[in-house]
Amino acid sequence: MAVKNKMFQPGKILHEVIVGAFRAQGTSFAEWCRKEGVKVNTASLATYGQAGGDRGRQMLERMINDANPDVVEAAYRRRMIEEAAQLQEVAG
């Protein structure tokens, strides 16, 4: 399943959502990295958008697909709505 990469803004929220999606499957971000032969730090850089080249984007897409893109999308949307609400409170 191809991920709509434009939907997700790399950063702390996306990283936490991906980590949580792996946990929900009974595994972990670190376990995914081990299976893929990727250092945890390298994978984290991809989720935070600091490895934005082709390899970083491909890794991020694989992570999202393996973490379950429907779960990642739902959790990401919820978190973004929560963040927007908090910003409204501060501005309000």
C-alpha atoms as a PDB file:
ATOM      1  CA  MET A   1       0.000   0.000   0.000  1.00  0.00           C
ATOM      2  CA  ALA A   2       1.508   3.329  -1.019  1.00  0.00           C
ATOM      3  CA  VAL A   3       1.427   5.926   1.713  1.00  0.00           C
ATOM      4  CA  LYS A   4       0.206   9.431   1.039  1.00  0.00           C
ATOM      5  CA  ASN A   5       3.513  10.980   2.110  1.00  0.00           C
ATOM      6  CA  LYS A   6       2.193  14.520   1.798  1.00  0.00           C
ATOM      7  CA  MET A   7      -0.318  13.809   4.554  1.00  0.00           C
ATOM      8  CA  PHE A   8       2.308  13.322   7.254  1.00  0.00           C
ATOM      9  CA  GLN A   9       4.557  16.101   8.474  1.00  0.00           C
ATOM     10  CA  PRO A  10       7.744  14.532   9.828  1.00  0.00           C
ATOM     11  CA  GLY A  11       8.444  15.469  13.414  1.00  0.00           C
ATOM     12  CA  LYS A  12       7.782  14.549  17.007  1.00  0.00           C
ATOM     13  CA  ILE A  13       4.113  13.708  16.513  1.00  0.00           C
ATOM     14  CA  LEU A  14       4.726  11.397  13.558  1.00  0.00           C
ATOM     15  CA  HIS A  15       7.565   9.690  15.405  1.00  0.00           C
ATOM     16  CA  GLU A  16       5.407   9.088  18.487  1.00  0.00           C
ATOM     17  CA  VAL A  17       2.519   7.834  16.361  1.00  0.00           C
ATOM     18  CA  ILE A  18       4.720   5.323  14.522  1.00  0.00           C
ATOM     19  CA  VAL A  19       6.259   4.114  17.791  1.00  0.00           C
ATOM     20  CA  GLY A  20       2.767   3.714  19.250  1.00  0.00           C
ATOM     21  CA  ALA A  21       1.485   1.864  16.196  1.00  0.00           C
ATOM     22  CA  PHE A  22       4.286  -0.677  16.512  1.00  0.00           C
ATOM     23  CA  ARG A  23       3.502  -1.090  20.222  1.00  0.00           C
ATOM     24  CA  ALA A  24      -0.155  -1.651  19.388  1.00  0.00           C
ATOM     25  CA  GLN A  25       0.966  -4.586  17.223  1.00  0.00           C
ATOM     26  CA  GLY A  26       2.876  -6.054  20.161  1.00  0.00           C
ATOM     27  CA  THR A  27       6.288  -5.149  18.769  1.00  0.00           C
ATOM     28  CA  SER A  28       8.482  -2.062  18.921  1.00  0.00           C
ATOM     29  CA  PHE A  29      10.185   0.561  16.816  1.00  0.00           C
ATOM     30  CA  ALA A  30      13.552  -0.879  17.854  1.00  0.00           C
ATOM     31  CA  GLU A  31      12.473  -4.374  16.806  1.00  0.00           C
ATOM     32  CA  TRP A  32      11.408  -3.061  13.383  1.00  0.00           C
ATOM     33  CA  CYS A  33      14.813  -1.414  13.023  1.00  0.00           C
ATOM     34  CA  ARG A  34      16.600  -4.624  13.985  1.00  0.00           C
ATOM     35  CA  LYS A  35      14.602  -6.661  11.451  1.00  0.00           C
ATOM     36  CA  GLU A  36      15.264  -4.086   8.746  1.00  0.00           C
ATOM     37  CA  GLY A  37      18.963  -3.809   9.571  1.00  0.00           C
ATOM     38  CA  VAL A  38      18.639  -0.105  10.344  1.00  0.00           C
ATOM     39  CA  LYS A  39      20.043   1.775  13.319  1.00  0.00           C
ATOM     40  CA  VAL A  40      17.347   3.201  15.603  1.00  0.00           C
ATOM     41  CA  ASN A  41      18.936   6.633  15.311  1.00  0.00           C
ATOM     42  CA  THR A  42      18.803   6.495  11.515  1.00  0.00           C
ATOM     43  CA  ALA A  43      15.134   5.484  11.533  1.00  0.00           C
ATOM     44  CA  SER A  44      14.365   8.236  14.048  1.00  0.00           C
ATOM     45  CA  LEU A  45      16.011  10.780  11.763  1.00  0.00           C
ATOM     46  CA  ALA A  46      13.637   9.648   9.009  1.00  0.00           C
ATOM     47  CA  THR A  47      10.555  10.084  11.220  1.00  0.00           C
ATOM     48  CA  TYR A  48      11.738  13.531  12.262  1.00  0.00           C
ATOM     49  CA  GLY A  49      12.384  14.529   8.639  1.00  0.00           C
ATOM     50  CA  GLN A  50      16.111  14.927   9.118  1.00  0.00           C
ATOM     51  CA  ALA A  51      16.841  12.134   6.633  1.00  0.00           C
ATOM     52  CA  GLY A  52      14.694  13.550   3.866  1.00  0.00           C
ATOM     53  CA  GLY A  53      16.531  12.177   0.860  1.00  0.00           C
ATOM     54  CA  ASP A  54      15.213   9.309  -1.222  1.00  0.00           C
ATOM     55  CA  ARG A  55      16.471   6.663   1.196  1.00  0.00           C
ATOM     56  CA  GLY A  56      14.995   8.461   4.202  1.00  0.00           C
ATOM     57  CA  ARG A  57      11.624   8.895   2.510  1.00  0.00           C
ATOM     58  CA  GLN A  58      11.595   5.254   1.414  1.00  0.00           C
ATOM     59  CA  MET A  59      12.438   4.129   4.937  1.00  0.00           C
ATOM     60  CA  LEU A  60       9.668   6.294   6.371  1.00  0.00           C
ATOM     61  CA  GLU A  61       7.182   4.835   3.905  1.00  0.00           C
ATOM     62  CA  ARG A  62       8.226   1.277   4.831  1.00  0.00           C
ATOM     63  CA  MET A  63       7.876   2.113   8.530  1.00  0.00           C
ATOM     64  CA  ILE A  64       4.389   3.523   8.062  1.00  0.00           C
ATOM     65  CA  ASN A  65       3.335   0.561   5.938  1.00  0.00           C
ATOM     66  CA  ASP A  66       4.719  -1.946   8.433  1.00  0.00           C
ATOM     67  CA  ALA A  67       3.218  -0.082  11.405  1.00  0.00           C
ATOM     68  CA  ASN A  68      -0.210  -0.206   9.676  1.00  0.00           C
ATOM     69  CA  PRO A  69      -0.937   2.907   7.622  1.00  0.00           C
ATOM     70  CA  ASP A  70      -4.588   3.044   8.733  1.00  0.00           C
ATOM     71  CA  VAL A  71      -3.570   3.106  12.399  1.00  0.00           C
ATOM     72  CA  VAL A  72      -0.833   5.652  11.745  1.00  0.00           C
ATOM     73  CA  GLU A  73      -3.213   7.893   9.796  1.00  0.00           C
ATOM     74  CA  ALA A  74      -5.969   7.753  12.425  1.00  0.00           C
ATOM     75  CA  ALA A  75      -3.592   8.421  15.313  1.00  0.00           C
ATOM     76  CA  TYR A  76      -1.801  11.176  13.404  1.00  0.00           C
ATOM     77  CA  ARG A  77      -5.071  12.943  12.588  1.00  0.00           C
ATOM     78  CA  ARG A  78      -6.207  12.710  16.220  1.00  0.00           C
ATOM     79  CA  ARG A  79      -2.908  14.096  17.495  1.00  0.00           C
ATOM     80  CA  MET A  80      -2.946  16.974  15.006  1.00  0.00           C
ATOM     81  CA  ILE A  81      -6.493  17.897  16.036  1.00  0.00           C
ATOM     82  CA  GLU A  82      -5.418  17.853  19.691  1.00  0.00           C
ATOM     83  CA  GLU A  83      -2.422  20.063  18.908  1.00  0.00           C
ATOM     84  CA  ALA A  84      -4.618  22.529  17.013  1.00  0.00           C
ATOM     85  CA  ALA A  85      -7.039  22.697  19.946  1.00  0.00           C
ATOM     86  CA  GLN A  86      -4.177  23.426  22.341  1.00  0.00           C
ATOM     87  CA  LEU A  87      -2.943  26.212  20.079  1.00  0.00           C
ATOM     88  CA  GLN A  88      -6.449  27.693  19.998  1.00  0.00           C
ATOM     89  CA  GLU A  89      -6.523  27.715  23.812  1.00  0.00           C
ATOM     90  CA  VAL A  90      -3.181  29.498  23.993  1.00  0.00           C
ATOM     91  CA  ALA A  91      -4.183  32.039  21.338  1.00  0.00           C
ATOM     92  CA  GLY A  92      -7.689  32.397  22.645  1.00  0.00           C
END
